[in-house]
């Protein structure tokens, strides 16, 4: 081997040896940066959860759900911690991609076929929706801004025409920008025979109204946990998001009172008069999908 070739080989070897530590340092720095980013995102999500769990409407629902249990505080804290594990992605049975997969087969609008081209049974359909709207109601409310809502037609033919026009005007699909709730109100119907529920109404950041039912399971004096269920529809007054004057005048408590009057007397003009103030009857939407791209689970 001549001297020139040897010099070239030694030069290349020297460069590689010199560059290797920098390569290792650069790779290690990338790993550290990714780990730090992951920890930062996890911390942000935990901070969001801690703020969410302090909201008045959340505490009101939790109080009503566990109020009749002897060890109510212990059971409530246990449930809250379970839901926190779901939100932080530590329970893979209920993480957002799993919910997205379930909703692609079963939701309030469609029921598709499962594995082997067999349709979902009624019990499977019920179980999927129960997990989302009942068993895991707390993490569902936290993830409200991850769900995609679909404009849902009414059975009435004239209402369908209106619904189609509204879908063109306001959009067939909607997604909340945040999970923030601006107002909430409680309708105590726990003493109403054969009903025995509390209805908690919440107003979202885009002026959608959602209802959460809490069924009293202790009418006969049992020591049971009450049943929480998120009503599967959201009602939207779309003009409120465009008209700040109307938005400032919208009081959720008044909305609930109108529902109560209409329930007692469906011929009362109060409901139509109330709706007219805010652009007519609210449009109905149903949860149909999950935007799991906005989450790291």
Protein backbone atom coordinates (compact mmCIF):
# COMPACT_ATOMS: atom_id res chain seq x y z
CA UNK A 1 0.00 0.00 0.00
CA UNK A 2 1.57 3.29 -1.07
CA UNK A 3 1.98 6.27 1.21
CA UNK A 4 -0.74 8.32 -0.50
CA UNK A 5 -3.40 5.64 0.05
CA UNK A 6 -2.30 5.23 3.67
CA UNK A 7 -2.62 8.97 4.25
CA UNK A 8 -6.15 8.97 2.80
CA UNK A 9 -7.19 6.02 5.01
CA UNK A 10 -5.69 7.62 8.12
CA UNK A 11 -7.39 10.93 7.30
CA UNK A 12 -10.82 9.29 6.89
CA UNK A 13 -10.36 7.30 10.09
CA UNK A 14 -9.35 10.43 11.95
CA UNK A 15 -12.40 12.31 10.72
CA UNK A 16 -14.73 9.44 11.71
CA UNK A 17 -13.17 9.14 15.16
CA UNK A 18 -13.37 12.91 15.63
CA UNK A 19 -16.99 13.09 14.41
CA UNK A 20 -18.26 10.09 16.39
CA UNK A 21 -18.54 11.85 19.78
CA UNK A 22 -20.44 14.72 18.16
CA UNK A 23 -22.78 12.24 16.47
CA UNK A 24 -23.44 10.55 19.80
CA UNK A 25 -23.96 13.89 21.51
CA UNK A 26 -26.36 15.04 18.75
CA UNK A 27 -28.38 11.79 18.91
CA UNK A 28 -28.48 11.91 22.68
CA UNK A 29 -29.59 15.57 22.58
CA UNK A 30 -32.44 14.65 20.20
CA UNK A 31 -33.59 11.92 22.57
CA UNK A 32 -33.45 14.31 25.52
CA UNK A 33 -35.44 16.94 23.57
CA UNK A 34 -38.13 14.39 22.63
CA UNK A 35 -38.36 13.13 26.20
CA UNK A 36 -38.61 16.70 27.50
CA UNK A 37 -41.33 17.49 24.95
CA UNK A 38 -43.30 14.39 25.97
CA UNK A 39 -43.02 15.28 29.66
CA UNK A 40 -44.05 18.86 28.88
CA UNK A 41 -47.18 17.72 27.01
CA UNK A 42 -48.10 15.30 29.79
CA UNK A 43 -47.67 18.09 32.34
CA UNK A 44 -49.84 20.44 30.27
CA UNK A 45 -52.59 17.82 30.04
CA UNK A 46 -52.43 17.12 33.77
CA UNK A 47 -52.66 20.86 34.47
CA UNK A 48 -55.70 21.09 32.18
CA UNK A 49 -57.29 18.17 34.04
CA UNK A 50 -56.64 19.77 37.43
CA UNK A 51 -58.32 22.99 36.27
CA UNK A 52 -61.23 21.07 34.72
CA UNK A 53 -61.95 19.07 37.87
CA UNK A 54 -62.36 22.31 39.85
CA UNK A 55 -65.24 23.60 37.70
CA UNK A 56 -68.54 24.12 39.51
CA UNK A 57 -70.65 21.99 37.17
CA UNK A 58 -68.21 19.07 37.42
CA UNK A 59 -68.34 19.16 41.22
CA UNK A 60 -72.14 19.46 41.12
CA UNK A 61 -72.49 16.29 39.03
CA UNK A 62 -69.97 14.39 41.16
CA UNK A 63 -71.77 15.46 44.34
CA UNK A 64 -75.13 14.22 43.01
CA UNK A 65 -73.65 10.97 41.71
CA UNK A 66 -72.07 9.90 45.00
CA UNK A 67 -74.22 11.70 47.56
CA UNK A 68 -76.06 8.62 48.89
CA UNK A 69 -73.06 6.37 49.45
CA UNK A 70 -71.76 5.83 52.98
CA UNK A 71 -68.16 6.22 51.78
CA UNK A 72 -69.07 8.85 49.17
CA UNK A 73 -65.84 10.87 49.32
CA UNK A 74 -63.65 7.78 48.97
CA UNK A 75 -65.69 6.41 46.04
CA UNK A 76 -65.77 9.80 44.34
CA UNK A 77 -61.99 10.21 44.59
CA UNK A 78 -61.50 6.67 43.27
CA UNK A 79 -63.68 7.40 40.23
CA UNK A 80 -61.98 10.75 39.55
CA UNK A 81 -58.58 9.06 39.63
CA UNK A 82 -59.77 6.34 37.22
CA UNK A 83 -60.98 9.01 34.81
CA UNK A 84 -57.70 10.88 35.15
CA UNK A 85 -55.84 7.73 34.04
CA UNK A 86 -58.01 7.64 30.90
CA UNK A 87 -57.37 11.32 30.15
CA UNK A 88 -53.60 10.93 30.60
CA UNK A 89 -53.60 7.90 28.29
CA UNK A 90 -52.61 5.44 31.01
CA UNK A 91 -55.67 3.23 30.48
CA UNK A 92 -55.39 1.92 26.92
CA UNK A 93 -58.86 0.33 27.04
CA UNK A 94 -60.44 3.78 26.81
CA UNK A 95 -57.90 6.01 25.08
CA UNK A 96 -59.09 8.33 22.30
CA UNK A 97 -57.98 6.19 19.36
CA UNK A 98 -59.98 3.29 20.82
CA UNK A 99 -63.04 5.53 21.21
CA UNK A 100 -62.56 6.72 17.61
CA UNK A 101 -62.45 3.11 16.42
CA UNK A 102 -65.63 2.24 18.35
CA UNK A 103 -67.49 5.28 17.04
CA UNK A 104 -66.55 4.41 13.46
CA UNK A 105 -68.72 1.30 13.86
CA UNK A 106 -71.32 2.42 16.36
CA UNK A 107 -72.78 5.82 17.16
CA UNK A 108 -76.20 7.38 17.43
CA UNK A 109 -76.35 7.92 13.69
CA UNK A 110 -74.98 4.70 12.17
CA UNK A 111 -74.42 1.08 13.11
CA UNK A 112 -71.85 -0.58 10.86
CA UNK A 113 -70.70 -4.16 10.61
CA UNK A 114 -68.01 -5.52 12.88
CA UNK A 115 -65.44 -8.26 12.34
CA UNK A 116 -66.47 -11.05 9.97
CA UNK A 117 -69.14 -8.81 8.41
CA UNK A 118 -71.42 -9.48 11.35
CA UNK A 119 -73.55 -6.57 12.58
CA UNK A 120 -73.08 -5.37 16.13
CA UNK A 121 -75.64 -6.82 18.50
CA UNK A 122 -77.92 -4.51 20.44
CA UNK A 123 -75.95 -5.24 23.61
CA UNK A 124 -72.61 -4.35 21.96
CA UNK A 125 -74.12 -1.14 20.61
CA UNK A 126 -75.40 -0.26 24.08
CA UNK A 127 -72.14 -1.15 25.80
CA UNK A 128 -70.04 1.11 23.57
CA UNK A 129 -72.31 4.12 24.05
CA UNK A 130 -72.73 3.39 27.78
CA UNK A 131 -68.97 3.43 28.28
CA UNK A 132 -68.74 6.78 26.53
CA UNK A 133 -71.78 8.61 27.92
CA UNK A 134 -72.33 6.89 31.29
CA UNK A 135 -69.39 4.95 32.71
CA UNK A 136 -66.77 7.48 31.53
CA UNK A 137 -68.89 10.62 31.50
CA UNK A 138 -66.19 12.64 33.28
CA UNK A 139 -63.40 11.98 30.76
CA UNK A 140 -65.94 12.46 27.94
CA UNK A 141 -66.75 15.96 29.21
CA UNK A 142 -63.04 16.71 29.53
CA UNK A 143 -62.55 15.63 25.90
CA UNK A 144 -65.53 17.58 24.53
CA UNK A 145 -63.24 19.56 22.23
CA UNK A 146 -61.96 16.31 20.68
CA UNK A 147 -65.40 15.12 19.51
CA UNK A 148 -66.87 15.84 16.09
CA UNK A 149 -70.60 16.59 16.02
CA UNK A 150 -72.87 15.84 13.07
CA UNK A 151 -76.06 17.72 12.11
CA UNK A 152 -78.83 15.22 12.84
CA UNK A 153 -82.06 15.32 10.82
CA UNK A 154 -85.45 15.27 12.50
CA UNK A 155 -88.08 12.66 11.63
CA UNK A 156 -90.44 15.44 10.60
CA UNK A 157 -90.17 16.02 6.82
CA UNK A 158 -90.43 19.82 7.09
CA UNK A 159 -87.85 19.83 9.86
CA UNK A 160 -85.57 17.77 7.60
CA UNK A 161 -85.70 20.48 4.95
CA UNK A 162 -84.81 23.10 7.58
CA UNK A 163 -82.06 20.85 8.89
CA UNK A 164 -80.54 20.47 5.41
CA UNK A 165 -80.62 24.25 4.90
CA UNK A 166 -79.02 24.78 8.31
CA UNK A 167 -76.33 22.22 7.49
CA UNK A 168 -75.46 24.17 4.34
CA UNK A 169 -75.49 27.48 6.21
CA UNK A 170 -73.76 26.49 9.45
CA UNK A 171 -71.93 23.28 8.52
CA UNK A 172 -72.76 19.59 8.69
CA UNK A 173 -69.86 18.88 11.06
CA UNK A 174 -68.87 20.91 14.10
CA UNK A 175 -66.03 20.71 16.60
CA UNK A 176 -65.63 22.76 19.76
CA UNK A 177 -62.52 24.91 20.03
CA UNK A 178 -62.21 24.26 23.78
CA UNK A 179 -63.87 22.20 26.50
CA UNK A 180 -64.68 25.37 28.45
CA UNK A 181 -68.22 25.78 29.79
CA UNK A 182 -69.56 29.31 30.18
CA UNK A 183 -72.77 28.57 32.15
CA UNK A 184 -74.53 25.69 33.86
CA UNK A 185 -77.91 25.20 35.50
CA UNK A 186 -79.58 22.37 37.44
CA UNK A 187 -83.22 21.29 37.15
CA UNK A 188 -84.14 19.25 40.22
CA UNK A 189 -86.67 16.61 39.16
CA UNK A 190 -85.67 14.12 41.82
CA UNK A 191 -89.09 14.27 43.48
CA UNK A 192 -90.99 13.75 40.20
CA UNK A 193 -92.62 10.33 40.38
CA UNK A 194 -91.23 7.69 37.99
CA UNK A 195 -88.58 10.16 36.86
CA UNK A 196 -86.45 10.92 39.92
CA UNK A 197 -83.61 12.72 38.16
CA UNK A 198 -81.53 15.85 38.30
CA UNK A 199 -80.85 17.46 34.93
CA UNK A 200 -77.65 19.48 34.62
CA UNK A 201 -77.48 21.75 31.57
CA UNK A 202 -74.18 23.16 30.33
CA UNK A 203 -73.49 25.87 27.75
CA UNK A 204 -70.34 25.32 25.69
CA UNK A 205 -68.02 27.95 24.29
CA UNK A 206 -69.86 27.91 20.92
CA UNK A 207 -73.31 28.15 22.56
CA UNK A 208 -74.24 24.50 22.27
CA UNK A 209 -76.46 23.22 25.09
CA UNK A 210 -75.79 19.74 26.47
CA UNK A 211 -77.76 17.92 29.13
CA UNK A 212 -76.50 15.49 31.76
CA UNK A 213 -79.04 13.35 33.62
CA UNK A 214 -78.39 12.01 37.13
CA UNK A 215 -80.82 9.22 37.98
CA UNK A 216 -81.66 8.82 41.66
CA UNK A 217 -81.06 5.12 42.41
CA UNK A 218 -81.98 5.50 46.08
CA UNK A 219 -85.69 6.28 45.90
CA UNK A 220 -86.40 3.24 48.07
CA UNK A 221 -83.59 4.03 50.51
CA UNK A 222 -80.82 1.93 48.93
CA UNK A 223 -77.15 2.75 49.38
CA UNK A 224 -76.33 2.99 45.67
CA UNK A 225 -74.33 5.22 43.40
CA UNK A 226 -76.61 7.39 41.29
CA UNK A 227 -76.44 6.98 37.50
CA UNK A 228 -74.97 9.77 35.38
CA UNK A 229 -75.70 9.90 31.66
CA UNK A 230 -74.79 12.51 29.05
CA UNK A 231 -77.76 13.10 26.74
CA UNK A 232 -76.61 12.12 23.27
CA UNK A 233 -77.61 15.31 21.47
CA UNK A 234 -76.25 18.85 21.55
CA UNK A 235 -78.53 21.77 20.72
CA UNK A 236 -76.93 24.74 19.01
CA UNK A 237 -78.07 28.33 18.68
CA UNK A 238 -75.68 29.16 15.82
CA UNK A 239 -76.54 32.85 15.59
CA UNK A 240 -75.25 33.42 19.10
CA UNK A 241 -71.67 32.86 17.97
CA UNK A 242 -72.14 35.61 15.36
CA UNK A 243 -74.13 38.14 17.38
CA UNK A 244 -72.47 39.25 20.64
CA UNK A 245 -75.52 41.29 21.63
CA UNK A 246 -77.73 38.18 21.52
CA UNK A 247 -75.00 36.07 23.13
CA UNK A 248 -74.77 38.42 26.12
CA UNK A 249 -78.54 38.15 26.59
CA UNK A 250 -78.60 34.34 26.60
CA UNK A 251 -79.12 33.02 30.14
CA UNK A 252 -79.01 29.24 30.46
CA UNK A 253 -81.22 29.30 33.58
CA UNK A 254 -83.96 30.95 31.50
CA UNK A 255 -83.54 28.24 28.85
CA UNK A 256 -84.05 25.54 31.50
CA UNK A 257 -87.09 27.30 32.94
CA UNK A 258 -88.64 27.39 29.47
CA UNK A 259 -88.02 23.64 29.11
CA UNK A 260 -89.78 23.09 32.44
CA UNK A 261 -92.79 25.19 31.40
CA UNK A 262 -93.00 23.37 28.05
CA UNK A 263 -92.81 19.98 29.80
CA UNK A 264 -95.72 20.94 32.06
CA UNK A 265 -97.74 22.41 29.17
CA UNK A 266 -96.57 21.73 25.62
CA UNK A 267 -99.08 24.27 24.29
CA UNK A 268 -97.36 27.10 26.12
CA UNK A 269 -95.93 29.73 23.73
CA UNK A 270 -92.95 30.41 26.00
CA UNK A 271 -90.57 28.03 24.24
CA UNK A 272 -91.21 29.44 20.76
CA UNK A 273 -90.94 32.99 22.09
CA UNK A 274 -87.63 32.20 23.79
CA UNK A 275 -86.20 30.52 20.68
CA UNK A 276 -87.27 33.42 18.50
CA UNK A 277 -85.05 35.77 20.51
CA UNK A 278 -82.02 33.75 19.42
CA UNK A 279 -82.76 33.01 15.78
CA UNK A 280 -85.30 30.19 16.05
CA UNK A 281 -85.21 26.61 17.30
CA UNK A 282 -81.73 25.31 18.11
CA UNK A 283 -80.16 22.85 15.67
CA UNK A 284 -79.55 19.30 16.83
CA UNK A 285 -76.13 17.63 16.62
CA UNK A 286 -74.88 14.19 17.65
CA UNK A 287 -71.34 12.95 18.45
CA UNK A 288 -70.15 10.87 15.51
CA UNK A 289 -66.32 10.86 15.56
CA UNK A 290 -63.16 11.74 17.49
CA UNK A 291 -60.34 13.98 16.32
CA UNK A 292 -57.58 11.91 17.91
CA UNK A 293 -54.87 13.81 15.98
CA UNK A 294 -55.10 16.58 18.56
CA UNK A 295 -54.17 14.13 21.30
CA UNK A 296 -51.05 12.13 22.05
CA UNK A 297 -52.82 9.05 23.46
